[in-house]
Amino acid sequence: MNVHPEFLGTVNEEPATGTHPEHANSPAVVRVVEMVGISDRSWSDAARQIVARASETLRHVTGLDVLHSSAVVRDGKIIEYHVNARVTFVVEPAEFEP
């Protein structure tokens, strides 16, 4: 798995206002971090790797917003798929119902 945690950084922190069951009860504080995922299979796999890596260290991951997709091409073939994405998670001590 090639997810670059050095790209973690707070982008936004604001009260949650969603009504979806995967969101925290309002008002809650959510945090958004930006991550980069790399895969030799697909952009979808790179995005899944971001979620997997984020879930190892962050609790209550609730969303992924893909900002940019790119690829490394060599000899006419894609050899690496890159995804830049924002990961949203609920900051405790908000009440959370999965």
PDB file of N, CA and C in Angstrom:
ATOM      1  N   MET A   1       0.848  -1.169   0.000  1.00  0.00           N
ATOM      2  CA  MET A   1       0.000   0.000   0.000  1.00  0.00           C
ATOM      3  C   MET A   1       0.895   1.235   0.000  1.00  0.00           C
ATOM      4  N   ASN A   2       0.672   2.129  -0.935  1.00  0.00           N
ATOM      5  CA  ASN A   2       1.465   3.342  -1.040  1.00  0.00           C
ATOM      6  C   ASN A   2       0.604   4.567  -0.797  1.00  0.00           C
ATOM      7  N   VAL A   3       0.302   4.852   0.433  1.00  0.00           N
ATOM      8  CA  VAL A   3      -0.402   6.075   0.779  1.00  0.00           C
ATOM      9  C   VAL A   3       0.602   6.954   1.497  1.00  0.00           C
ATOM     10  N   HIS A   4       0.669   8.193   1.115  1.00  0.00           N
ATOM     11  CA  HIS A   4       1.678   9.084   1.652  1.00  0.00           C
ATOM     12  C   HIS A   4       1.112   9.902   2.802  1.00  0.00           C
ATOM     13  N   PRO A   5       1.341   9.446   4.071  1.00  0.00           N
ATOM     14  CA  PRO A   5       0.765  10.157   5.211  1.00  0.00           C
ATOM     15  C   PRO A   5       1.376  11.541   5.414  1.00  0.00           C
ATOM     16  N   GLU A   6       2.507  11.828   4.803  1.00  0.00           N
ATOM     17  CA  GLU A   6       3.079  13.163   4.961  1.00  0.00           C
ATOM     18  C   GLU A   6       2.200  14.222   4.308  1.00  0.00           C
ATOM     19  N   PHE A   7       1.239  13.802   3.488  1.00  0.00           N
ATOM     20  CA  PHE A   7       0.317  14.743   2.879  1.00  0.00           C
ATOM     21  C   PHE A   7      -0.885  15.015   3.770  1.00  0.00           C
ATOM     22  N   LEU A   8      -0.910  14.379   4.954  1.00  0.00           N
ATOM     23  CA  LEU A   8      -1.996  14.654   5.881  1.00  0.00           C
ATOM     24  C   LEU A   8      -1.909  16.094   6.338  1.00  0.00           C
ATOM     25  N   GLY A   9      -3.003  16.779   6.349  1.00  0.00           N
ATOM     26  CA  GLY A   9      -3.017  18.156   6.821  1.00  0.00           C
ATOM     27  C   GLY A   9      -4.449  18.610   6.981  1.00  0.00           C
ATOM     28  N   THR A  10      -4.708  19.371   7.985  1.00  0.00           N
ATOM     29  CA  THR A  10      -6.059  19.840   8.215  1.00  0.00           C
ATOM     30  C   THR A  10      -6.439  20.819   7.125  1.00  0.00           C
ATOM     31  N   VAL A  11      -7.531  20.549   6.451  1.00  0.00           N
ATOM     32  CA  VAL A  11      -8.020  21.427   5.409  1.00  0.00           C
ATOM     33  C   VAL A  11      -9.191  22.236   5.933  1.00  0.00           C
ATOM     34  N   ASN A  12     -10.038  21.591   6.738  1.00  0.00           N
ATOM     35  CA  ASN A  12     -11.250  22.247   7.173  1.00  0.00           C
ATOM     36  C   ASN A  12     -11.714  21.622   8.475  1.00  0.00           C
ATOM     37  N   GLU A  13     -12.281  22.417   9.349  1.00  0.00           N
ATOM     38  CA  GLU A  13     -12.876  21.904  10.569  1.00  0.00           C
ATOM     39  C   GLU A  13     -14.135  22.716  10.815  1.00  0.00           C
ATOM     40  N   GLU A  14     -15.290  22.047  10.795  1.00  0.00           N
ATOM     41  CA  GLU A  14     -16.547  22.770  10.913  1.00  0.00           C
ATOM     42  C   GLU A  14     -17.614  21.879  11.510  1.00  0.00           C
ATOM     43  N   PRO A  15     -18.712  22.453  12.009  1.00  0.00           N
ATOM     44  CA  PRO A  15     -19.793  21.636  12.545  1.00  0.00           C
ATOM     45  C   PRO A  15     -20.432  20.789  11.454  1.00  0.00           C
ATOM     46  N   ALA A  16     -20.745  19.550  11.774  1.00  0.00           N
ATOM     47  CA  ALA A  16     -21.421  18.664  10.825  1.00  0.00           C
ATOM     48  C   ALA A  16     -22.892  19.035  10.767  1.00  0.00           C
ATOM     49  N   THR A  17     -23.459  19.003   9.571  1.00  0.00           N
ATOM     50  CA  THR A  17     -24.877  19.339   9.441  1.00  0.00           C
ATOM     51  C   THR A  17     -25.637  18.273   8.674  1.00  0.00           C
ATOM     52  N   GLY A  18     -25.006  17.161   8.348  1.00  0.00           N
ATOM     53  CA  GLY A  18     -25.647  16.130   7.546  1.00  0.00           C
ATOM     54  C   GLY A  18     -26.721  15.382   8.303  1.00  0.00           C
ATOM     55  N   THR A  19     -27.609  14.773   7.540  1.00  0.00           N
ATOM     56  CA  THR A  19     -28.686  13.992   8.137  1.00  0.00           C
ATOM     57  C   THR A  19     -28.535  12.511   7.813  1.00  0.00           C
ATOM     58  N   HIS A  20     -27.460  12.126   7.153  1.00  0.00           N
ATOM     59  CA  HIS A  20     -27.228  10.726   6.818  1.00  0.00           C
ATOM     60  C   HIS A  20     -26.826   9.965   8.077  1.00  0.00           C
ATOM     61  N   PRO A  21     -27.188   8.688   8.174  1.00  0.00           N
ATOM     62  CA  PRO A  21     -26.901   7.931   9.389  1.00  0.00           C
ATOM     63  C   PRO A  21     -25.407   7.762   9.661  1.00  0.00           C
ATOM     64  N   GLU A  22     -24.554   7.863   8.652  1.00  0.00           N
ATOM     65  CA  GLU A  22     -23.122   7.702   8.890  1.00  0.00           C
ATOM     66  C   GLU A  22     -22.477   8.964   9.437  1.00  0.00           C
ATOM     67  N   HIS A  23     -23.227  10.052   9.532  1.00  0.00           N
ATOM     68  CA  HIS A  23     -22.715  11.302  10.079  1.00  0.00           C
ATOM     69  C   HIS A  23     -22.990  11.363  11.571  1.00  0.00           C
ATOM     70  N   ALA A  24     -22.213  12.173  12.256  1.00  0.00           N
ATOM     71  CA  ALA A  24     -22.418  12.358  13.691  1.00  0.00           C
ATOM     72  C   ALA A  24     -23.664  13.189  13.938  1.00  0.00           C
ATOM     73  N   ASN A  25     -24.181  13.070  15.158  1.00  0.00           N
ATOM     74  CA  ASN A  25     -25.312  13.909  15.543  1.00  0.00           C
ATOM     75  C   ASN A  25     -24.854  15.352  15.603  1.00  0.00           C
ATOM     76  N   SER A  26     -25.639  16.238  15.041  1.00  0.00           N
ATOM     77  CA  SER A  26     -25.298  17.647  14.990  1.00  0.00           C
ATOM     78  C   SER A  26     -25.578  18.284  16.343  1.00  0.00           C
ATOM     79  N   PRO A  27     -24.847  19.246  16.832  1.00  0.00           N
ATOM     80  CA  PRO A  27     -23.627  19.739  16.210  1.00  0.00           C
ATOM     81  C   PRO A  27     -22.438  18.843  16.569  1.00  0.00           C
ATOM     82  N   ALA A  28     -21.595  18.605  15.616  1.00  0.00           N
ATOM     83  CA  ALA A  28     -20.380  17.816  15.812  1.00  0.00           C
ATOM     84  C   ALA A  28     -19.254  18.499  15.053  1.00  0.00           C
ATOM     85  N   VAL A  29     -18.056  18.202  15.442  1.00  0.00           N
ATOM     86  CA  VAL A  29     -16.906  18.752  14.744  1.00  0.00           C
ATOM     87  C   VAL A  29     -16.358  17.679  13.811  1.00  0.00           C
ATOM     88  N   VAL A  30     -16.202  18.039  12.543  1.00  0.00           N
ATOM     89  CA  VAL A  30     -15.585  17.132  11.584  1.00  0.00           C
ATOM     90  C   VAL A  30     -14.261  17.743  11.145  1.00  0.00           C
ATOM     91  N   ARG A  31     -13.357  16.890  10.785  1.00  0.00           N
ATOM     92  CA  ARG A  31     -12.059  17.342  10.312  1.00  0.00           C
ATOM     93  C   ARG A  31     -11.836  16.722   8.937  1.00  0.00           C
ATOM     94  N   VAL A  32     -11.153  17.447   8.087  1.00  0.00           N
ATOM     95  CA  VAL A  32     -10.867  16.984   6.738  1.00  0.00           C
ATOM     96  C   VAL A  32      -9.358  17.009   6.543  1.00  0.00           C
ATOM     97  N   VAL A  33      -8.808  15.879   6.093  1.00  0.00           N
ATOM     98  CA  VAL A  33      -7.382  15.800   5.795  1.00  0.00           C
ATOM     99  C   VAL A  33      -7.215  15.399   4.342  1.00  0.00           C
ATOM    100  N   GLU A  34      -6.122  15.807   3.753  1.00  0.00           N
ATOM    101  CA  GLU A  34      -5.845  15.477   2.363  1.00  0.00           C
ATOM    102  C   GLU A  34      -4.783  14.393   2.324  1.00  0.00           C
ATOM    103  N   MET A  35      -5.018  13.386   1.482  1.00  0.00           N
ATOM    104  CA  MET A  35      -4.095  12.257   1.356  1.00  0.00           C
ATOM    105  C   MET A  35      -3.898  11.925  -0.122  1.00  0.00           C
ATOM    106  N   VAL A  36      -2.810  11.212  -0.397  1.00  0.00           N
ATOM    107  CA  VAL A  36      -2.499  10.749  -1.748  1.00  0.00           C
ATOM    108  C   VAL A  36      -2.396   9.234  -1.709  1.00  0.00           C
ATOM    109  N   GLY A  37      -3.103   8.571  -2.627  1.00  0.00           N
ATOM    110  CA  GLY A  37      -3.016   7.123  -2.748  1.00  0.00           C
ATOM    111  C   GLY A  37      -2.404   6.755  -4.086  1.00  0.00           C
ATOM    112  N   ILE A  38      -1.612   5.684  -4.082  1.00  0.00           N
ATOM    113  CA  ILE A  38      -0.951   5.215  -5.305  1.00  0.00           C
ATOM    114  C   ILE A  38      -1.202   3.722  -5.448  1.00  0.00           C
ATOM    115  N   SER A  39      -1.543   3.305  -6.666  1.00  0.00           N
ATOM    116  CA  SER A  39      -1.801   1.893  -6.940  1.00  0.00           C
ATOM    117  C   SER A  39      -1.243   1.528  -8.308  1.00  0.00           C
ATOM    118  N   ASP A  40      -0.879   0.270  -8.468  1.00  0.00           N
ATOM    119  CA  ASP A  40      -0.477  -0.200  -9.796  1.00  0.00           C
ATOM    120  C   ASP A  40      -1.650  -0.888 -10.500  1.00  0.00           C
ATOM    121  N   ARG A  41      -2.863  -0.853  -9.885  1.00  0.00           N
ATOM    122  CA  ARG A  41      -4.045  -1.514 -10.445  1.00  0.00           C
ATOM    123  C   ARG A  41      -5.042  -0.552 -11.080  1.00  0.00           C
ATOM    124  N   SER A  42      -5.484   0.471 -10.274  1.00  0.00           N
ATOM    125  CA  SER A  42      -6.533   1.364 -10.769  1.00  0.00           C
ATOM    126  C   SER A  42      -6.654   2.585  -9.869  1.00  0.00           C
ATOM    127  N   TRP A  43      -7.399   3.602 -10.369  1.00  0.00           N
ATOM    128  CA  TRP A  43      -7.685   4.761  -9.538  1.00  0.00           C
ATOM    129  C   TRP A  43      -8.585   4.352  -8.376  1.00  0.00           C
ATOM    130  N   SER A  44      -9.527   3.465  -8.615  1.00  0.00           N
ATOM    131  CA  SER A  44     -10.407   2.993  -7.537  1.00  0.00           C
ATOM    132  C   SER A  44      -9.612   2.314  -6.435  1.00  0.00           C
ATOM    133  N   ASP A  45      -8.634   1.521  -6.819  1.00  0.00           N
ATOM    134  CA  ASP A  45      -7.794   0.853  -5.826  1.00  0.00           C
ATOM    135  C   ASP A  45      -6.983   1.875  -5.036  1.00  0.00           C
ATOM    136  N   ALA A  46      -6.484   2.907  -5.702  1.00  0.00           N
ATOM    137  CA  ALA A  46      -5.743   3.965  -5.004  1.00  0.00           C
ATOM    138  C   ALA A  46      -6.645   4.658  -3.989  1.00  0.00           C
ATOM    139  N   ALA A  47      -7.906   4.913  -4.354  1.00  0.00           N
ATOM    140  CA  ALA A  47      -8.860   5.536  -3.429  1.00  0.00           C
ATOM    141  C   ALA A  47      -9.162   4.603  -2.258  1.00  0.00           C
ATOM    142  N   ARG A  48      -9.345   3.311  -2.533  1.00  0.00           N
ATOM    143  CA  ARG A  48      -9.590   2.346  -1.458  1.00  0.00           C
ATOM    144  C   ARG A  48      -8.411   2.293  -0.491  1.00  0.00           C
ATOM    145  N   GLN A  49      -7.199   2.415  -1.015  1.00  0.00           N
ATOM    146  CA  GLN A  49      -6.017   2.397  -0.159  1.00  0.00           C
ATOM    147  C   GLN A  49      -5.990   3.618   0.760  1.00  0.00           C
ATOM    148  N   ILE A  50      -6.443   4.751   0.262  1.00  0.00           N
ATOM    149  CA  ILE A  50      -6.523   5.947   1.108  1.00  0.00           C
ATOM    150  C   ILE A  50      -7.466   5.689   2.278  1.00  0.00           C
ATOM    151  N   VAL A  51      -8.641   5.150   1.989  1.00  0.00           N
ATOM    152  CA  VAL A  51      -9.622   4.879   3.045  1.00  0.00           C
ATOM    153  C   VAL A  51      -9.062   3.857   4.038  1.00  0.00           C
ATOM    154  N   ALA A  52      -8.417   2.817   3.532  1.00  0.00           N
ATOM    155  CA  ALA A  52      -7.845   1.795   4.413  1.00  0.00           C
ATOM    156  C   ALA A  52      -6.774   2.389   5.313  1.00  0.00           C
ATOM    157  N   ARG A  53      -5.903   3.197   4.758  1.00  0.00           N
ATOM    158  CA  ARG A  53      -4.818   3.805   5.549  1.00  0.00           C
ATOM    159  C   ARG A  53      -5.387   4.795   6.562  1.00  0.00           C
ATOM    160  N   ALA A  54      -6.329   5.624   6.148  1.00  0.00           N
ATOM    161  CA  ALA A  54      -6.936   6.593   7.062  1.00  0.00           C
ATOM    162  C   ALA A  54      -7.630   5.874   8.213  1.00  0.00           C
ATOM    163  N   SER A  55      -8.292   4.764   7.913  1.00  0.00           N
ATOM    164  CA  SER A  55      -9.031   4.021   8.937  1.00  0.00           C
ATOM    165  C   SER A  55      -8.118   3.345   9.950  1.00  0.00           C
ATOM    166  N   GLU A  56      -6.847   3.192   9.626  1.00  0.00           N
ATOM    167  CA  GLU A  56      -5.888   2.617  10.577  1.00  0.00           C
ATOM    168  C   GLU A  56      -5.593   3.578  11.721  1.00  0.00           C
ATOM    169  N   THR A  57      -5.634   4.874  11.457  1.00  0.00           N
ATOM    170  CA  THR A  57      -5.237   5.849  12.473  1.00  0.00           C
ATOM    171  C   THR A  57      -6.336   6.832  12.855  1.00  0.00           C
ATOM    172  N   LEU A  58      -7.398   6.903  12.089  1.00  0.00           N
ATOM    173  CA  LEU A  58      -8.486   7.828  12.369  1.00  0.00           C
ATOM    174  C   LEU A  58      -9.754   7.045  12.671  1.00  0.00           C
ATOM    175  N   ARG A  59     -10.507   7.516  13.660  1.00  0.00           N
ATOM    176  CA  ARG A  59     -11.796   6.889  13.949  1.00  0.00           C
ATOM    177  C   ARG A  59     -12.896   7.675  13.268  1.00  0.00           C
ATOM    178  N   HIS A  60     -13.967   7.022  12.973  1.00  0.00           N
ATOM    179  CA  HIS A  60     -15.186   7.637  12.442  1.00  0.00           C
ATOM    180  C   HIS A  60     -14.964   8.319  11.088  1.00  0.00           C
ATOM    181  N   VAL A  61     -14.253   7.648  10.186  1.00  0.00           N
ATOM    182  CA  VAL A  61     -14.107   8.160   8.822  1.00  0.00           C
ATOM    183  C   VAL A  61     -15.474   8.081   8.168  1.00  0.00           C
ATOM    184  N   THR A  62     -15.949   9.213   7.619  1.00  0.00           N
ATOM    185  CA  THR A  62     -17.308   9.250   7.076  1.00  0.00           C
ATOM    186  C   THR A  62     -17.371   9.606   5.600  1.00  0.00           C
ATOM    187  N   GLY A  63     -16.259  10.042   5.002  1.00  0.00           N
ATOM    188  CA  GLY A  63     -16.355  10.433   3.605  1.00  0.00           C
ATOM    189  C   GLY A  63     -15.013  10.530   2.902  1.00  0.00           C
ATOM    190  N   LEU A  64     -15.079  10.476   1.582  1.00  0.00           N
ATOM    191  CA  LEU A  64     -13.914  10.611   0.717  1.00  0.00           C
ATOM    192  C   LEU A  64     -14.331  11.464  -0.466  1.00  0.00           C
ATOM    193  N   ASP A  65     -13.569  12.517  -0.720  1.00  0.00           N
ATOM    194  CA  ASP A  65     -13.829  13.409  -1.843  1.00  0.00           C
ATOM    195  C   ASP A  65     -12.590  13.391  -2.736  1.00  0.00           C
ATOM    196  N   VAL A  66     -12.684  12.748  -3.897  1.00  0.00           N
ATOM    197  CA  VAL A  66     -11.551  12.669  -4.813  1.00  0.00           C
ATOM    198  C   VAL A  66     -11.392  14.019  -5.505  1.00  0.00           C
ATOM    199  N   LEU A  67     -10.229  14.610  -5.334  1.00  0.00           N
ATOM    200  CA  LEU A  67      -9.943  15.926  -5.891  1.00  0.00           C
ATOM    201  C   LEU A  67      -9.294  15.847  -7.260  1.00  0.00           C
ATOM    202  N   HIS A  68      -8.415  14.855  -7.423  1.00  0.00           N
ATOM    203  CA  HIS A  68      -7.615  14.797  -8.649  1.00  0.00           C
ATOM    204  C   HIS A  68      -7.126  13.372  -8.865  1.00  0.00           C
ATOM    205  N   SER A  69      -7.153  12.930 -10.100  1.00  0.00           N
ATOM    206  CA  SER A  69      -6.597  11.627 -10.477  1.00  0.00           C
ATOM    207  C   SER A  69      -5.548  11.851 -11.542  1.00  0.00           C
ATOM    208  N   SER A  70      -4.447  11.128 -11.436  1.00  0.00           N
ATOM    209  CA  SER A  70      -3.392  11.218 -12.449  1.00  0.00           C
ATOM    210  C   SER A  70      -2.716   9.862 -12.557  1.00  0.00           C
ATOM    211  N   ALA A  71      -1.815   9.749 -13.504  1.00  0.00           N
ATOM    212  CA  ALA A  71      -1.140   8.474 -13.710  1.00  0.00           C
ATOM    213  C   ALA A  71       0.272   8.705 -14.210  1.00  0.00           C
ATOM    214  N   VAL A  72       1.113   7.706 -13.964  1.00  0.00           N
ATOM    215  CA  VAL A  72       2.464   7.687 -14.507  1.00  0.00           C
ATOM    216  C   VAL A  72       2.446   6.713 -15.677  1.00  0.00           C
ATOM    217  N   VAL A  73       2.913   7.181 -16.836  1.00  0.00           N
ATOM    218  CA  VAL A  73       2.904   6.353 -18.042  1.00  0.00           C
ATOM    219  C   VAL A  73       4.349   6.055 -18.448  1.00  0.00           C
ATOM    220  N   ARG A  74       4.576   4.794 -18.773  1.00  0.00           N
ATOM    221  CA  ARG A  74       5.884   4.383 -19.252  1.00  0.00           C
ATOM    222  C   ARG A  74       5.686   3.401 -20.411  1.00  0.00           C
ATOM    223  N   ASP A  75       6.352   3.646 -21.504  1.00  0.00           N
ATOM    224  CA  ASP A  75       6.262   2.784 -22.695  1.00  0.00           C
ATOM    225  C   ASP A  75       4.814   2.608 -23.148  1.00  0.00           C
ATOM    226  N   GLY A  76       4.031   3.679 -23.069  1.00  0.00           N
ATOM    227  CA  GLY A  76       2.658   3.645 -23.542  1.00  0.00           C
ATOM    228  C   GLY A  76       1.681   2.945 -22.627  1.00  0.00           C
ATOM    229  N   LYS A  77       2.101   2.607 -21.407  1.00  0.00           N
ATOM    230  CA  LYS A  77       1.216   1.919 -20.465  1.00  0.00           C
ATOM    231  C   LYS A  77       1.216   2.649 -19.125  1.00  0.00           C
ATOM    232  N   ILE A  78       0.056   2.641 -18.466  1.00  0.00           N
ATOM    233  CA  ILE A  78      -0.038   3.215 -17.125  1.00  0.00           C
ATOM    234  C   ILE A  78       0.627   2.256 -16.148  1.00  0.00           C
ATOM    235  N   ILE A  79       1.594   2.786 -15.404  1.00  0.00           N
ATOM    236  CA  ILE A  79       2.280   1.944 -14.421  1.00  0.00           C
ATOM    237  C   ILE A  79       1.911   2.309 -12.978  1.00  0.00           C
ATOM    238  N   GLU A  80       1.389   3.515 -12.767  1.00  0.00           N
ATOM    239  CA  GLU A  80       0.930   3.933 -11.445  1.00  0.00           C
ATOM    240  C   GLU A  80      -0.280   4.842 -11.575  1.00  0.00           C
ATOM    241  N   TYR A  81      -1.264   4.578 -10.739  1.00  0.00           N
ATOM    242  CA  TYR A  81      -2.463   5.413 -10.661  1.00  0.00           C
ATOM    243  C   TYR A  81      -2.371   6.225  -9.371  1.00  0.00           C
ATOM    244  N   HIS A  82      -2.534   7.537  -9.473  1.00  0.00           N
ATOM    245  CA  HIS A  82      -2.453   8.420  -8.311  1.00  0.00           C
ATOM    246  C   HIS A  82      -3.808   9.077  -8.079  1.00  0.00           C
ATOM    247  N   VAL A  83      -4.213   9.172  -6.812  1.00  0.00           N
ATOM    248  CA  VAL A  83      -5.452   9.837  -6.434  1.00  0.00           C
ATOM    249  C   VAL A  83      -5.154  10.788  -5.281  1.00  0.00           C
ATOM    250  N   ASN A  84      -5.537  12.047  -5.435  1.00  0.00           N
ATOM    251  CA  ASN A  84      -5.495  13.019  -4.345  1.00  0.00           C
ATOM    252  C   ASN A  84      -6.925  13.132  -3.839  1.00  0.00           C
ATOM    253  N   ALA A  85      -7.115  13.009  -2.519  1.00  0.00           N
ATOM    254  CA  ALA A  85      -8.470  13.026  -1.979  1.00  0.00           C
ATOM    255  C   ALA A  85      -8.509  13.657  -0.598  1.00  0.00           C
ATOM    256  N   ARG A  86      -9.685  14.142  -0.238  1.00  0.00           N
ATOM    257  CA  ARG A  86      -9.943  14.630   1.108  1.00  0.00           C
ATOM    258  C   ARG A  86     -10.728  13.564   1.858  1.00  0.00           C
ATOM    259  N   VAL A  87     -10.262  13.254   3.047  1.00  0.00           N
ATOM    260  CA  VAL A  87     -10.924  12.277   3.913  1.00  0.00           C
ATOM    261  C   VAL A  87     -11.577  13.039   5.063  1.00  0.00           C
ATOM    262  N   THR A  88     -12.860  12.768   5.299  1.00  0.00           N
ATOM    263  CA  THR A  88     -13.608  13.430   6.364  1.00  0.00           C
ATOM    264  C   THR A  88     -13.821  12.449   7.510  1.00  0.00           C
ATOM    265  N   PHE A  89     -13.603  12.937   8.735  1.00  0.00           N
ATOM    266  CA  PHE A  89     -13.858  12.109   9.909  1.00  0.00           C
ATOM    267  C   PHE A  89     -14.407  12.976  11.029  1.00  0.00           C
ATOM    268  N   VAL A  90     -15.155  12.335  11.925  1.00  0.00           N
ATOM    269  CA  VAL A  90     -15.774  13.022  13.047  1.00  0.00           C
ATOM    270  C   VAL A  90     -14.788  13.043  14.201  1.00  0.00           C
ATOM    271  N   VAL A  91     -14.609  14.218  14.786  1.00  0.00           N
ATOM    272  CA  VAL A  91     -13.722  14.374  15.931  1.00  0.00           C
ATOM    273  C   VAL A  91     -14.511  14.092  17.201  1.00  0.00           C
ATOM    274  N   GLU A  92     -13.966  13.252  18.061  1.00  0.00           N
ATOM    275  CA  GLU A  92     -14.637  12.960  19.330  1.00  0.00           C
ATOM    276  C   GLU A  92     -14.553  14.186  20.219  1.00  0.00           C
ATOM    277  N   PRO A  93     -15.421  14.394  21.132  1.00  0.00           N
ATOM    278  CA  PRO A  93     -16.331  13.458  21.792  1.00  0.00           C
ATOM    279  C   PRO A  93     -17.763  13.504  21.261  1.00  0.00           C
ATOM    280  N   ALA A  94     -17.990  13.826  20.028  1.00  0.00           N
ATOM    281  CA  ALA A  94     -19.345  13.847  19.477  1.00  0.00           C
ATOM    282  C   ALA A  94     -19.956  12.445  19.579  1.00  0.00           C
ATOM    283  N   GLU A  95     -21.271  12.403  19.773  1.00  0.00           N
ATOM    284  CA  GLU A  95     -21.967  11.122  19.758  1.00  0.00           C
ATOM    285  C   GLU A  95     -21.985  10.626  18.329  1.00  0.00           C
ATOM    286  N   PHE A  96     -21.625   9.359  18.136  1.00  0.00           N
ATOM    287  CA  PHE A  96     -21.530   8.801  16.795  1.00  0.00           C
ATOM    288  C   PHE A  96     -22.310   7.513  16.738  1.00  0.00           C
ATOM    289  N   GLU A  97     -23.174   7.400  15.734  1.00  0.00           N
ATOM    290  CA  GLU A  97     -23.946   6.175  15.537  1.00  0.00           C
ATOM    291  C   GLU A  97     -23.656   5.637  14.153  1.00  0.00           C
ATOM    292  N   PRO A  98     -22.893   4.524  14.054  1.00  0.00           N
ATOM    293  CA  PRO A  98     -22.575   3.959  12.728  1.00  0.00           C
ATOM    294  C   PRO A  98     -23.785   3.425  11.991  1.00  0.00           C
TER     295      PRO A  98
END
